[in-house]
Amino acid sequence: MAWLADNWLDLFGWAGSALLIVSLLQTRILRFRLLNLAASISLVIFNALVEVWPMVGMNLATTTINLFMIRKLLSDRHDDTAFTVLQVGPQEAYFQHFLSVHADDIRTFHPAYDGTQPDDLAFQVERGDETVGVVLIRREGDVARVQLDYVTPRFRDFSPGEFVWRRAPRLRERGFRRVVTPPRMVSPYYDRLDTGFRREGESYVLEL
């Protein structure tokens, strides 16, 4: 205990540095910002205590940047103007390339996914010029059965697929009366939405 009392400041500094390194290893953009913010605040305190003022200034700057970026990310989270939904052909080259690049990750979250069919409805969710998610729907009578609702790792703290479901009237105009999600989907997000999804067995259902 005496050693800990004598060295607590050094340990605090090392902990802040370790947290900074951990933040840089994150693929999720929001998680990166939150961990980096915590590291920056810790290092502001540490460097102020040891009176290393240039490092205090640098970490104050990174703290401010992180706060600004987190605020922007959270404000864009449910903003229709921040994400664009594009309907594409399920067999189009770019869509198939995207599925191929993320094939291993897709299998992790959608173990029942078995590929596309020519009559499927395919949607890409874009943030600027970056594809952050895709939704694939297959018709079964008046049921829109979701084959794939996938988000890239960078945006997994968000739920960009919701912007497809917000356009539910467009699905109703196509003759659909309900949406049913995959029963074996890992970490579904539908219970966090205010679009009307309800749990039904292993799936979520949206009445149109």
Protein backbone atom coordinates (compact mmCIF):
# COMPACT_ATOMS: atom_id res chain seq x y z
CA MET A 1 0.00 0.00 0.00
CA ALA A 2 2.89 2.38 0.77
CA TRP A 3 4.35 1.76 -2.69
CA LEU A 4 0.96 2.50 -4.26
CA ALA A 5 0.64 5.72 -2.27
CA ASP A 6 4.13 6.81 -3.35
CA ASN A 7 3.62 5.99 -7.03
CA TRP A 8 -0.08 6.74 -7.66
CA LEU A 9 0.70 9.69 -9.92
CA ASP A 10 2.97 7.66 -12.19
CA LEU A 11 0.34 4.92 -12.34
CA PHE A 12 -2.32 7.47 -13.22
CA GLY A 13 -0.15 8.77 -16.08
CA TRP A 14 0.51 5.28 -17.38
CA ALA A 15 -3.18 4.45 -17.20
CA GLY A 16 -4.03 7.55 -19.26
CA SER A 17 -1.40 6.61 -21.84
CA ALA A 18 -2.68 3.03 -22.00
CA LEU A 19 -6.23 4.28 -22.51
CA LEU A 20 -5.03 6.49 -25.35
CA ILE A 21 -3.43 3.48 -27.07
CA VAL A 22 -6.58 1.38 -26.56
CA SER A 23 -8.68 4.15 -28.14
CA LEU A 24 -6.50 4.12 -31.26
CA LEU A 25 -7.21 0.40 -31.71
CA GLN A 26 -10.98 0.91 -31.95
CA THR A 27 -12.75 0.40 -35.28
CA ARG A 28 -16.06 1.88 -34.08
CA ILE A 29 -15.93 5.61 -34.60
CA LEU A 30 -18.07 6.60 -31.59
CA ARG A 31 -16.27 4.23 -29.22
CA PHE A 32 -12.93 5.61 -30.46
CA ARG A 33 -14.03 9.18 -29.71
CA LEU A 34 -15.36 8.32 -26.22
CA LEU A 35 -12.22 6.41 -25.17
CA ASN A 36 -9.96 9.06 -26.68
CA LEU A 37 -11.87 11.73 -24.76
CA ALA A 38 -11.40 9.83 -21.49
CA ALA A 39 -7.69 9.45 -22.23
CA SER A 40 -7.30 13.14 -23.10
CA ILE A 41 -8.99 14.27 -19.88
CA SER A 42 -6.81 11.89 -17.83
CA LEU A 43 -3.66 13.22 -19.47
CA VAL A 44 -4.73 16.84 -18.96
CA ILE A 45 -4.98 16.13 -15.22
CA PHE A 46 -1.73 14.16 -15.11
CA ASN A 47 0.33 16.73 -17.01
CA ALA A 48 -1.14 19.57 -14.96
CA LEU A 49 -0.11 17.78 -11.75
CA VAL A 50 3.47 17.31 -13.02
CA GLU A 51 3.41 20.81 -14.55
CA VAL A 52 4.18 19.80 -18.15
CA TRP A 53 2.20 22.66 -19.67
CA PRO A 54 2.78 22.01 -23.41
CA MET A 55 1.22 18.56 -22.95
CA VAL A 56 -1.63 20.10 -20.98
CA GLY A 57 -2.30 22.40 -23.92
CA MET A 58 -2.16 19.57 -26.47
CA ASN A 59 -4.53 17.36 -24.48
CA LEU A 60 -6.91 20.23 -23.87
CA ALA A 61 -7.04 20.66 -27.64
CA THR A 62 -7.73 16.94 -28.24
CA THR A 63 -10.39 17.01 -25.50
CA THR A 64 -12.13 19.91 -27.25
CA ILE A 65 -11.93 18.17 -30.63
CA ASN A 66 -13.34 14.94 -29.19
CA LEU A 67 -16.22 16.75 -27.49
CA PHE A 68 -17.08 18.51 -30.76
CA MET A 69 -16.93 15.28 -32.79
CA ILE A 70 -18.97 13.29 -30.24
CA ARG A 71 -21.64 15.97 -30.21
CA LYS A 72 -21.78 15.90 -34.02
CA LEU A 73 -21.92 12.11 -34.17
CA LEU A 74 -24.74 11.94 -31.63
CA SER A 75 -26.71 14.73 -33.30
CA ASP A 76 -26.40 12.94 -36.68
CA ARG A 77 -27.37 9.58 -35.23
CA HIS A 78 -31.06 9.84 -36.17
CA ASP A 79 -30.77 12.66 -38.71
CA ASP A 80 -32.26 11.88 -42.13
CA THR A 81 -29.97 14.48 -43.72
CA ALA A 82 -26.81 12.74 -42.45
CA PHE A 83 -27.54 9.41 -44.16
CA THR A 84 -28.84 8.66 -47.64
CA VAL A 85 -30.69 5.47 -48.62
CA LEU A 86 -30.15 4.27 -52.18
CA GLN A 87 -32.08 1.43 -53.77
CA VAL A 88 -29.75 -0.63 -55.94
CA GLY A 89 -29.87 -3.86 -57.90
CA PRO A 90 -28.93 -6.87 -55.75
CA GLN A 91 -26.68 -8.16 -58.53
CA GLU A 92 -24.93 -4.84 -59.22
CA ALA A 93 -21.14 -5.01 -59.16
CA TYR A 94 -20.59 -2.55 -56.31
CA PHE A 95 -23.23 -4.14 -54.08
CA GLN A 96 -21.76 -7.60 -54.64
CA HIS A 97 -18.25 -6.23 -54.05
CA PHE A 98 -19.39 -4.74 -50.72
CA LEU A 99 -20.89 -8.09 -49.67
CA SER A 100 -17.70 -9.89 -50.68
CA VAL A 101 -15.41 -7.51 -48.76
CA HIS A 102 -17.50 -7.89 -45.58
CA ALA A 103 -18.39 -11.57 -46.07
CA ASP A 104 -16.74 -12.86 -42.88
CA ASP A 105 -18.29 -10.15 -40.72
CA ILE A 106 -21.69 -10.69 -42.35
CA ARG A 107 -21.55 -14.41 -41.51
CA THR A 108 -20.80 -13.51 -37.88
CA PHE A 109 -23.91 -11.34 -37.49
CA HIS A 110 -26.16 -13.10 -40.03
CA PRO A 111 -25.34 -16.82 -39.88
CA ALA A 112 -28.52 -17.67 -41.87
CA TYR A 113 -27.72 -15.34 -44.78
CA ASP A 114 -27.55 -17.32 -48.03
CA GLY A 115 -26.83 -14.72 -50.70
CA THR A 116 -28.90 -12.56 -53.03
CA GLN A 117 -31.58 -13.37 -55.58
CA PRO A 118 -32.39 -11.26 -58.66
CA ASP A 119 -35.82 -10.23 -57.33
CA ASP A 120 -34.56 -9.10 -53.91
CA LEU A 121 -34.88 -5.44 -52.89
CA ALA A 122 -31.45 -4.08 -52.02
CA PHE A 123 -30.67 -0.80 -50.25
CA GLN A 124 -27.37 0.89 -49.45
CA VAL A 125 -27.15 3.38 -46.59
CA GLU A 126 -24.59 6.07 -47.38
CA ARG A 127 -22.87 8.67 -45.25
CA GLY A 128 -21.34 11.01 -47.78
CA ASP A 129 -19.56 8.73 -50.23
CA GLU A 130 -19.11 5.88 -47.73
CA THR A 131 -21.43 2.86 -47.60
CA VAL A 132 -22.14 2.28 -43.91
CA GLY A 133 -24.82 -0.38 -44.19
CA VAL A 134 -26.96 -2.52 -46.46
CA VAL A 135 -30.45 -3.99 -46.22
CA LEU A 136 -31.68 -6.87 -48.35
CA ILE A 137 -35.39 -7.78 -48.49
CA ARG A 138 -37.07 -10.81 -50.09
CA ARG A 139 -40.77 -10.90 -50.92
CA GLU A 140 -42.94 -13.69 -49.54
CA GLY A 141 -46.47 -12.70 -50.54
CA ASP A 142 -47.18 -9.49 -48.65
CA VAL A 143 -44.30 -10.10 -46.21
CA ALA A 144 -40.98 -8.28 -46.59
CA ARG A 145 -38.60 -10.84 -45.17
CA VAL A 146 -35.27 -9.28 -44.24
CA GLN A 147 -32.35 -11.36 -45.48
CA LEU A 148 -29.62 -8.97 -44.41
CA ASP A 149 -29.43 -5.83 -42.28
CA TYR A 150 -25.72 -5.17 -41.93
CA VAL A 151 -23.69 -2.24 -40.59
CA THR A 152 -19.96 -1.77 -41.09
CA PRO A 153 -17.78 -1.91 -37.95
CA ARG A 154 -17.08 1.85 -37.98
CA PHE A 155 -20.77 2.66 -37.58
CA ARG A 156 -21.85 -0.26 -35.43
CA ASP A 157 -22.59 2.06 -32.51
CA PHE A 158 -25.28 3.53 -34.76
CA SER A 159 -28.29 1.95 -36.47
CA PRO A 160 -28.27 3.31 -40.05
CA GLY A 161 -30.69 0.61 -41.18
CA GLU A 162 -33.40 2.57 -39.39
CA PHE A 163 -33.47 5.02 -42.30
CA VAL A 164 -34.77 2.21 -44.51
CA TRP A 165 -37.54 1.42 -42.00
CA ARG A 166 -38.48 5.07 -41.67
CA ARG A 167 -39.44 4.83 -45.33
CA ALA A 168 -41.95 2.08 -44.50
CA PRO A 169 -44.71 3.77 -46.55
CA ARG A 170 -42.66 3.04 -49.66
CA LEU A 171 -42.69 -0.64 -48.76
CA ARG A 172 -46.45 -0.50 -48.20
CA GLU A 173 -46.87 1.03 -51.66
CA ARG A 174 -45.16 -2.09 -53.05
CA GLY A 175 -47.84 -4.29 -51.51
CA PHE A 176 -46.01 -5.31 -48.32
CA ARG A 177 -48.03 -5.49 -45.12
CA ARG A 178 -45.38 -6.58 -42.65
CA VAL A 179 -41.59 -6.76 -42.25
CA VAL A 180 -39.99 -9.78 -40.56
CA THR A 181 -36.32 -9.78 -39.53
CA PRO A 182 -33.97 -12.81 -39.60
CA PRO A 183 -34.55 -15.15 -36.61
CA ARG A 184 -30.85 -15.85 -35.98
CA MET A 185 -29.54 -12.31 -36.34
CA VAL A 186 -26.81 -11.52 -33.79
CA SER A 187 -27.17 -8.29 -31.75
CA PRO A 188 -30.36 -6.94 -33.40
CA TYR A 189 -31.06 -3.25 -32.82
CA TYR A 190 -34.80 -3.06 -33.57
CA ASP A 191 -35.92 -2.68 -29.96
CA ARG A 192 -33.98 0.62 -29.87
CA LEU A 193 -36.02 2.11 -32.73
CA ASP A 194 -39.26 4.06 -32.53
CA THR A 195 -40.48 2.75 -35.90
CA GLY A 196 -42.89 0.15 -34.47
CA PHE A 197 -40.90 -3.10 -34.47
CA ARG A 198 -42.03 -5.64 -31.87
CA ARG A 199 -40.46 -8.91 -30.78
CA GLU A 200 -42.16 -12.05 -32.07
CA GLY A 201 -40.32 -15.24 -31.22
CA GLU A 202 -36.74 -14.97 -32.50
CA SER A 203 -37.63 -12.23 -34.99
CA TYR A 204 -38.85 -8.64 -34.92
CA VAL A 205 -42.00 -7.71 -36.82
CA LEU A 206 -43.10 -4.36 -38.22
CA GLU A 207 -46.74 -4.05 -39.29
CA LEU A 208 -47.20 -1.79 -42.32
